[in-house]
Every structure is written in structure tokens, then in C-alpha cells.
PDB file of N, CA and C in Angstrom:
ATOM      1  N   MET A   1     107.048 112.581 -23.794  1.00  0.00           N
ATOM      2  CA  MET A   1     107.317 112.546 -25.589  1.00  0.00           C
ATOM      3  C   MET A   1     106.056 113.484 -26.203  1.00  0.00           C
ATOM      4  N   THR A   2     106.224 114.350 -26.603  1.00  0.00           N
ATOM      5  CA  THR A   2     105.216 114.994 -26.918  1.00  0.00           C
ATOM      6  C   THR A   2     104.959 113.769 -28.657  1.00  0.00           C
ATOM      7  N   VAL A   3     103.894 114.936 -29.123  1.00  0.00           N
ATOM      8  CA  VAL A   3     103.706 114.618 -30.348  1.00  0.00           C
ATOM      9  C   VAL A   3     105.233 114.578 -31.592  1.00  0.00           C
ATOM     10  N   ILE A   4     105.846 116.439 -31.309  1.00  0.00           N
ATOM     11  CA  ILE A   4     106.819 116.339 -32.449  1.00  0.00           C
ATOM     12  C   ILE A   4     108.028 115.649 -31.675  1.00  0.00           C
ATOM     13  N   GLU A   5     108.125 115.112 -30.602  1.00  0.00           N
ATOM     14  CA  GLU A   5     109.872 114.490 -30.394  1.00  0.00           C
ATOM     15  C   GLU A   5     109.185 112.805 -30.807  1.00  0.00           C
ATOM     16  N   CYS A   6     108.049 112.541 -31.538  1.00  0.00           N
ATOM     17  CA  CYS A   6     107.939 111.159 -31.816  1.00  0.00           C
ATOM     18  C   CYS A   6     108.462 111.425 -33.554  1.00  0.00           C
ATOM     19  N   SER A   7     107.460 112.343 -34.132  1.00  0.00           N
ATOM     20  CA  SER A   7     107.642 112.243 -35.088  1.00  0.00           C
ATOM     21  C   SER A   7     108.967 112.843 -35.616  1.00  0.00           C
ATOM     22  N   LEU A   8     109.679 113.121 -35.200  1.00  0.00           N
ATOM     23  CA  LEU A   8     111.125 113.537 -35.120  1.00  0.00           C
ATOM     24  C   LEU A   8     112.061 112.495 -34.979  1.00  0.00           C
ATOM     25  N   ILE A   9     112.053 111.809 -34.424  1.00  0.00           N
ATOM     26  CA  ILE A   9     112.915 110.355 -34.362  1.00  0.00           C
ATOM     27  C   ILE A   9     112.191 109.337 -35.652  1.00  0.00           C
ATOM     28  N   VAL A  10     111.045 109.422 -35.403  1.00  0.00           N
ATOM     29  CA  VAL A  10     110.771 108.831 -36.879  1.00  0.00           C
ATOM     30  C   VAL A  10     110.795 109.207 -38.589  1.00  0.00           C
ATOM     31  N   SER A  11     111.113 110.361 -38.506  1.00  0.00           N
ATOM     32  CA  SER A  11     111.497 111.293 -39.910  1.00  0.00           C
ATOM     33  C   SER A  11     112.948 111.030 -39.836  1.00  0.00           C
ATOM     34  N   ILE A  12     114.450 110.865 -38.521  1.00  0.00           N
ATOM     35  CA  ILE A  12     115.222 110.853 -38.621  1.00  0.00           C
ATOM     36  C   ILE A  12     115.390 109.080 -38.663  1.00  0.00           C
ATOM     37  N   MET A  13     114.551 108.334 -38.904  1.00  0.00           N
ATOM     38  CA  MET A  13     114.873 107.021 -39.005  1.00  0.00           C
ATOM     39  C   MET A  13     114.294 106.482 -40.025  1.00  0.00           C
ATOM     40  N   LEU A  14     113.158 107.620 -40.539  1.00  0.00           N
ATOM     41  CA  LEU A  14     112.947 106.749 -42.632  1.00  0.00           C
ATOM     42  C   LEU A  14     113.996 107.155 -42.535  1.00  0.00           C
ATOM     43  N   SER A  15     114.808 108.294 -42.392  1.00  0.00           N
ATOM     44  CA  SER A  15     115.917 109.796 -43.538  1.00  0.00           C
ATOM     45  C   SER A  15     117.290 108.629 -43.259  1.00  0.00           C
ATOM     46  N   GLU A  16     116.994 107.505 -42.469  1.00  0.00           N
ATOM     47  CA  GLU A  16     118.221 106.871 -42.021  1.00  0.00           C
ATOM     48  C   GLU A  16     118.665 105.570 -43.049  1.00  0.00           C
ATOM     49  N   GLY A  17     117.561 105.172 -43.112  1.00  0.00           N
ATOM     50  CA  GLY A  17     116.910 104.207 -44.038  1.00  0.00           C
ATOM     51  C   GLY A  17     116.623 104.154 -45.008  1.00  0.00           C
ATOM     52  N   ALA A  18     116.438 105.567 -45.274  1.00  0.00           N
ATOM     53  CA  ALA A  18     116.909 105.567 -47.533  1.00  0.00           C
ATOM     54  C   ALA A  18     117.932 106.460 -47.618  1.00  0.00           C
ATOM     55  N   GLN A  19     118.687 106.777 -46.460  1.00  0.00           N
ATOM     56  CA  GLN A  19     120.226 106.745 -47.175  1.00  0.00           C
ATOM     57  C   GLN A  19     121.136 105.534 -47.777  1.00  0.00           C
ATOM     58  N   ALA A  20     120.716 104.448 -46.094  1.00  0.00           N
ATOM     59  CA  ALA A  20     120.566 102.826 -46.197  1.00  0.00           C
ATOM     60  C   ALA A  20     120.517 102.141 -47.349  1.00  0.00           C
ATOM     61  N   GLN A  21     119.971 102.272 -47.476  1.00  0.00           N
ATOM     62  CA  GLN A  21     119.081 102.368 -48.714  1.00  0.00           C
ATOM     63  C   GLN A  21     119.775 101.929 -50.250  1.00  0.00           C
ATOM     64  N   ALA A  22     119.916 103.293 -50.323  1.00  0.00           N
ATOM     65  CA  ALA A  22     120.148 104.438 -51.425  1.00  0.00           C
ATOM     66  C   ALA A  22     121.646 103.927 -51.573  1.00  0.00           C
ATOM     67  N   LEU A  23     122.365 103.698 -50.285  1.00  0.00           N
ATOM     68  CA  LEU A  23     124.096 103.157 -50.578  1.00  0.00           C
ATOM     69  C   LEU A  23     124.558 102.058 -50.118  1.00  0.00           C
ATOM     70  N   GLY A  24     123.008 100.695 -50.558  1.00  0.00           N
ATOM     71  CA  GLY A  24     123.085  99.374 -50.190  1.00  0.00           C
ATOM     72  C   GLY A  24     123.983  99.026 -48.955  1.00  0.00           C
ATOM     73  N   LEU A  25     123.817  99.391 -48.086  1.00  0.00           N
ATOM     74  CA  LEU A  25     124.140  99.710 -46.672  1.00  0.00           C
ATOM     75  C   LEU A  25     123.406  99.067 -45.604  1.00  0.00           C
ATOM     76  N   ASP A  26     123.342  97.900 -44.611  1.00  0.00           N
ATOM     77  CA  ASP A  26     122.509  97.897 -43.672  1.00  0.00           C
ATOM     78  C   ASP A  26     122.166  98.277 -43.050  1.00  0.00           C
ATOM     79  N   LEU A  27     120.915  98.574 -42.325  1.00  0.00           N
ATOM     80  CA  LEU A  27     120.954  99.326 -41.287  1.00  0.00           C
ATOM     81  C   LEU A  27     120.106  98.705 -40.097  1.00  0.00           C
ATOM     82  N   GLU A  28     121.251  98.944 -38.659  1.00  0.00           N
ATOM     83  CA  GLU A  28     121.626  97.727 -37.316  1.00  0.00           C
ATOM     84  C   GLU A  28     121.120  99.592 -36.639  1.00  0.00           C
ATOM     85  N   LEU A  29     120.199  98.867 -36.262  1.00  0.00           N
ATOM     86  CA  LEU A  29     119.338  99.640 -34.647  1.00  0.00           C
ATOM     87  C   LEU A  29     120.183  99.655 -33.350  1.00  0.00           C
ATOM     88  N   GLY A  30     121.344  98.804 -32.989  1.00  0.00           N
ATOM     89  CA  GLY A  30     121.878  98.457 -32.249  1.00  0.00           C
ATOM     90  C   GLY A  30     121.527  97.559 -30.359  1.00  0.00           C
ATOM     91  N   LEU A  31     119.759  97.372 -31.229  1.00  0.00           N
ATOM     92  CA  LEU A  31     118.787  97.053 -30.456  1.00  0.00           C
ATOM     93  C   LEU A  31     118.642  95.086 -30.589  1.00  0.00           C
ATOM     94  N   SER A  32     118.504  94.238 -29.508  1.00  0.00           N
ATOM     95  CA  SER A  32     118.139  93.648 -29.288  1.00  0.00           C
ATOM     96  C   SER A  32     116.663  93.253 -29.766  1.00  0.00           C
ATOM     97  N   MET A  33     115.839  92.157 -30.233  1.00  0.00           N
ATOM     98  CA  MET A  33     115.230  91.634 -30.711  1.00  0.00           C
ATOM     99  C   MET A  33     113.743  91.893 -30.673  1.00  0.00           C
ATOM    100  N   ARG A  34     114.061  91.849 -28.550  1.00  0.00           N
ATOM    101  CA  ARG A  34     112.661  92.308 -27.611  1.00  0.00           C
ATOM    102  C   ARG A  34     113.152  94.035 -27.106  1.00  0.00           C
ATOM    103  N   SER A  35     114.267  94.121 -27.473  1.00  0.00           N
ATOM    104  CA  SER A  35     113.780  96.001 -27.097  1.00  0.00           C
ATOM    105  C   SER A  35     113.317  95.968 -28.883  1.00  0.00           C
ATOM    106  N   THR A  36     112.953  95.539 -29.918  1.00  0.00           N
ATOM    107  CA  THR A  36     112.231  95.927 -31.073  1.00  0.00           C
ATOM    108  C   THR A  36     111.289  95.918 -30.708  1.00  0.00           C
ATOM    109  N   VAL A  37     110.413  94.907 -30.841  1.00  0.00           N
ATOM    110  CA  VAL A  37     109.190  94.437 -30.052  1.00  0.00           C
ATOM    111  C   VAL A  37     109.211  95.567 -29.295  1.00  0.00           C
ATOM    112  N   ILE A  38     109.287  95.892 -28.045  1.00  0.00           N
ATOM    113  CA  ILE A  38     109.117  96.554 -27.274  1.00  0.00           C
ATOM    114  C   ILE A  38     109.167  98.260 -27.401  1.00  0.00           C
ATOM    115  N   LEU A  39     109.814  98.780 -28.406  1.00  0.00           N
ATOM    116  CA  LEU A  39     109.812  99.799 -29.197  1.00  0.00           C
ATOM    117  C   LEU A  39     108.885  99.942 -30.427  1.00  0.00           C
ATOM    118  N   ALA A  40     108.647  98.926 -30.839  1.00  0.00           N
ATOM    119  CA  ALA A  40     106.666  99.089 -31.835  1.00  0.00           C
ATOM    120  C   ALA A  40     105.879  99.270 -31.025  1.00  0.00           C
ATOM    121  N   LEU A  41     105.731  98.223 -29.646  1.00  0.00           N
ATOM    122  CA  LEU A  41     104.835  99.116 -29.023  1.00  0.00           C
ATOM    123  C   LEU A  41     104.887 100.236 -28.388  1.00  0.00           C
ATOM    124  N   THR A  42     105.541 100.579 -28.351  1.00  0.00           N
ATOM    125  CA  THR A  42     105.470 101.935 -27.662  1.00  0.00           C
ATOM    126  C   THR A  42     104.803 103.545 -28.554  1.00  0.00           C
ATOM    127  N   LEU A  43     106.206 103.206 -30.536  1.00  0.00           N
ATOM    128  CA  LEU A  43     105.104 103.952 -31.404  1.00  0.00           C
ATOM    129  C   LEU A  43     104.030 103.321 -30.964  1.00  0.00           C
ATOM    130  N   LEU A  44     103.185 102.163 -31.381  1.00  0.00           N
ATOM    131  CA  LEU A  44     101.593 101.977 -31.439  1.00  0.00           C
ATOM    132  C   LEU A  44     101.279 102.613 -30.430  1.00  0.00           C
ATOM    133  N   VAL A  45     101.513 102.594 -29.433  1.00  0.00           N
ATOM    134  CA  VAL A  45     101.059 102.535 -27.934  1.00  0.00           C
ATOM    135  C   VAL A  45     100.647 103.779 -27.527  1.00  0.00           C
ATOM    136  N   THR A  46     102.135 105.031 -27.980  1.00  0.00           N
ATOM    137  CA  THR A  46     101.465 106.286 -28.150  1.00  0.00           C
ATOM    138  C   THR A  46     100.732 106.970 -29.313  1.00  0.00           C
ATOM    139  N   THR A  47     100.681 105.815 -30.456  1.00  0.00           N
ATOM    140  CA  THR A  47      99.968 106.846 -31.575  1.00  0.00           C
ATOM    141  C   THR A  47      98.883 106.696 -31.462  1.00  0.00           C
ATOM    142  N   LEU A  48      97.994 105.416 -30.819  1.00  0.00           N
ATOM    143  CA  LEU A  48      96.904 105.466 -30.699  1.00  0.00           C
ATOM    144  C   LEU A  48      96.460 106.469 -29.498  1.00  0.00           C
ATOM    145  N   THR A  49      97.738 106.658 -28.292  1.00  0.00           N
ATOM    146  CA  THR A  49      97.005 107.550 -27.180  1.00  0.00           C
ATOM    147  C   THR A  49      96.897 108.851 -27.372  1.00  0.00           C
ATOM    148  N   LEU A  50      98.049 109.752 -28.054  1.00  0.00           N
ATOM    149  CA  LEU A  50      97.646 110.745 -28.739  1.00  0.00           C
ATOM    150  C   LEU A  50      96.486 110.945 -29.323  1.00  0.00           C
ATOM    151  N   GLY A  51      96.613 109.693 -30.486  1.00  0.00           N
ATOM    152  CA  GLY A  51      95.435 110.233 -31.540  1.00  0.00           C
ATOM    153  C   GLY A  51      94.008 110.446 -31.201  1.00  0.00           C
ATOM    154  N   GLY A  52      94.411 109.882 -30.594  1.00  0.00           N
ATOM    155  CA  GLY A  52      92.086 110.561 -28.856  1.00  0.00           C
ATOM    156  C   GLY A  52      92.123 111.553 -28.887  1.00  0.00           C
ATOM    157  N   GLY A  53      94.166 112.563 -28.890  1.00  0.00           N
ATOM    158  CA  GLY A  53      92.799 113.840 -27.950  1.00  0.00           C
ATOM    159  C   GLY A  53      93.093 114.124 -26.339  1.00  0.00           C
ATOM    160  N   ARG A  54      92.136 113.445 -25.823  1.00  0.00           N
ATOM    161  CA  ARG A  54      92.486 113.168 -24.121  1.00  0.00           C
ATOM    162  C   ARG A  54      93.470 111.746 -23.815  1.00  0.00           C
ATOM    163  N   VAL A  55      94.342 112.297 -22.435  1.00  0.00           N
ATOM    164  CA  VAL A  55      95.029 111.472 -22.377  1.00  0.00           C
ATOM    165  C   VAL A  55      94.698 110.768 -20.989  1.00  0.00           C
ATOM    166  N   THR A  56      93.713 109.316 -20.660  1.00  0.00           N
ATOM    167  CA  THR A  56      93.316 108.928 -19.588  1.00  0.00           C
ATOM    168  C   THR A  56      94.594 108.065 -17.956  1.00  0.00           C
ATOM    169  N   ILE A  57      94.217 108.040 -17.312  1.00  0.00           N
ATOM    170  CA  ILE A  57      94.914 107.083 -16.402  1.00  0.00           C
ATOM    171  C   ILE A  57      95.728 106.376 -17.037  1.00  0.00           C
ATOM    172  N   VAL A  58      94.493 105.715 -17.335  1.00  0.00           N
ATOM    173  CA  VAL A  58      94.740 104.052 -18.214  1.00  0.00           C
ATOM    174  C   VAL A  58      95.560 104.442 -18.489  1.00  0.00           C
ATOM    175  N   GLN A  59      95.812 104.815 -19.697  1.00  0.00           N
ATOM    176  CA  GLN A  59      97.086 105.157 -20.713  1.00  0.00           C
ATOM    177  C   GLN A  59      97.969 105.797 -20.296  1.00  0.00           C
ATOM    178  N   GLY A  60      97.670 106.547 -19.616  1.00  0.00           N
ATOM    179  CA  GLY A  60      99.824 106.315 -18.670  1.00  0.00           C
ATOM    180  C   GLY A  60     100.368 105.973 -18.034  1.00  0.00           C
ATOM    181  N   VAL A  61      99.144 104.765 -17.554  1.00  0.00           N
ATOM    182  CA  VAL A  61     100.009 103.307 -16.915  1.00  0.00           C
ATOM    183  C   VAL A  61     100.486 102.744 -17.690  1.00  0.00           C
ATOM    184  N   ILE A  62      99.702 102.477 -18.158  1.00  0.00           N
ATOM    185  CA  ILE A  62     100.135 101.607 -19.798  1.00  0.00           C
ATOM    186  C   ILE A  62     100.733 101.808 -20.784  1.00  0.00           C
ATOM    187  N   HIS A  63     101.915 102.657 -20.708  1.00  0.00           N
ATOM    188  CA  HIS A  63     102.838 103.345 -20.211  1.00  0.00           C
ATOM    189  C   HIS A  63     104.167 103.636 -19.089  1.00  0.00           C
ATOM    190  N   LEU A  64     103.961 103.340 -18.437  1.00  0.00           N
ATOM    191  CA  LEU A  64     104.153 102.914 -16.901  1.00  0.00           C
ATOM    192  C   LEU A  64     105.058 101.218 -17.305  1.00  0.00           C
ATOM    193  N   VAL A  65     103.968 100.880 -17.188  1.00  0.00           N
ATOM    194  CA  VAL A  65     103.922  98.721 -17.679  1.00  0.00           C
ATOM    195  C   VAL A  65     105.286  98.911 -18.924  1.00  0.00           C
ATOM    196  N   ILE A  66     105.081  99.150 -19.877  1.00  0.00           N
ATOM    197  CA  ILE A  66     105.688  98.985 -20.645  1.00  0.00           C
ATOM    198  C   ILE A  66     107.604  99.818 -21.104  1.00  0.00           C
ATOM    199  N   PHE A  67     106.979 100.844 -19.691  1.00  0.00           N
ATOM    200  CA  PHE A  67     108.144 101.294 -19.283  1.00  0.00           C
ATOM    201  C   PHE A  67     109.066 100.189 -18.837  1.00  0.00           C
ATOM    202  N   ALA A  68     108.709  99.891 -17.392  1.00  0.00           N
ATOM    203  CA  ALA A  68     108.922  98.704 -16.502  1.00  0.00           C
ATOM    204  C   ALA A  68     109.683  97.548 -17.456  1.00  0.00           C
ATOM    205  N   THR A  69     108.780  97.247 -17.555  1.00  0.00           N
ATOM    206  CA  THR A  69     108.780  95.987 -18.646  1.00  0.00           C
ATOM    207  C   THR A  69     110.079  95.704 -19.657  1.00  0.00           C
ATOM    208  N   PHE A  70     110.268  97.191 -20.153  1.00  0.00           N
ATOM    209  CA  PHE A  70     111.583  97.949 -21.158  1.00  0.00           C
ATOM    210  C   PHE A  70     112.762  97.350 -19.620  1.00  0.00           C
ATOM    211  N   LEU A  71     112.670  98.439 -19.215  1.00  0.00           N
ATOM    212  CA  LEU A  71     113.915  98.243 -18.067  1.00  0.00           C
ATOM    213  C   LEU A  71     114.391  96.586 -17.185  1.00  0.00           C
ATOM    214  N   PHE A  72     112.962  95.855 -16.735  1.00  0.00           N
ATOM    215  CA  PHE A  72     113.464  94.850 -16.393  1.00  0.00           C
ATOM    216  C   PHE A  72     113.860  94.046 -17.722  1.00  0.00           C
ATOM    217  N   THR A  73     113.766  94.070 -19.130  1.00  0.00           N
ATOM    218  CA  THR A  73     114.571  93.197 -20.156  1.00  0.00           C
ATOM    219  C   THR A  73     115.189  93.441 -20.316  1.00  0.00           C
ATOM    220  N   THR A  74     116.151  95.119 -20.190  1.00  0.00           N
ATOM    221  CA  THR A  74     117.479  95.428 -19.853  1.00  0.00           C
ATOM    222  C   THR A  74     118.672  94.808 -18.989  1.00  0.00           C
ATOM    223  N   ILE A  75     117.886  95.340 -17.898  1.00  0.00           N
ATOM    224  CA  ILE A  75     118.061  94.672 -16.894  1.00  0.00           C
ATOM    225  C   ILE A  75     118.918  92.546 -16.115  1.00  0.00           C
ATOM    226  N   VAL A  76     117.474  91.913 -16.591  1.00  0.00           N
ATOM    227  CA  VAL A  76     117.472  91.212 -15.935  1.00  0.00           C
ATOM    228  C   VAL A  76     117.439  90.637 -17.159  1.00  0.00           C
ATOM    229  N   PRO A  77     118.277  89.809 -18.475  1.00  0.00           N
ATOM    230  CA  PRO A  77     118.621  89.588 -19.857  1.00  0.00           C
ATOM    231  C   PRO A  77     118.369  88.208 -19.684  1.00  0.00           C
TER     232      PRO A  77
END
């Protein structure tokens, strides 16, 4: 996922949140608490990884571990 894609996803989520707030509606992402935590962790790690400028193999492995954790928690509840 590139920086542009990440910023696009975040801006869409923020605009939907603002619209729901303005209309007095509840906003639900349709994610369980585990998936929400993994999403937040992914966004944090992606920000730290891409903020440094250069990506190493260790950082790539961290992303793969987070993805494997997401798959495992999705398949085995």
C-alpha cells in the first residue's frame, strides 16, 4: 500500500465520520474489536515504516506478521 492509498483511506474515513457526526448518526466500520486493534496497529506501523524513507527487510517481515495475525484471527475466531 502506498502513501497515497493510505492517505486516501484515512481521508475517506474522516469524511464519513464527519458526515455521521453532522447528521447525528452512529458510525460503524463493521469490524470486530480484534480487527479494529489490528487496523490501528497496521496504520501505526505503516506510518513509522514509510516515515523513515527507507524500508528494511525487518520492517517488511513485521508487516507480514501483522497480516498473518489478521488472517489467523479472521479464520479462527
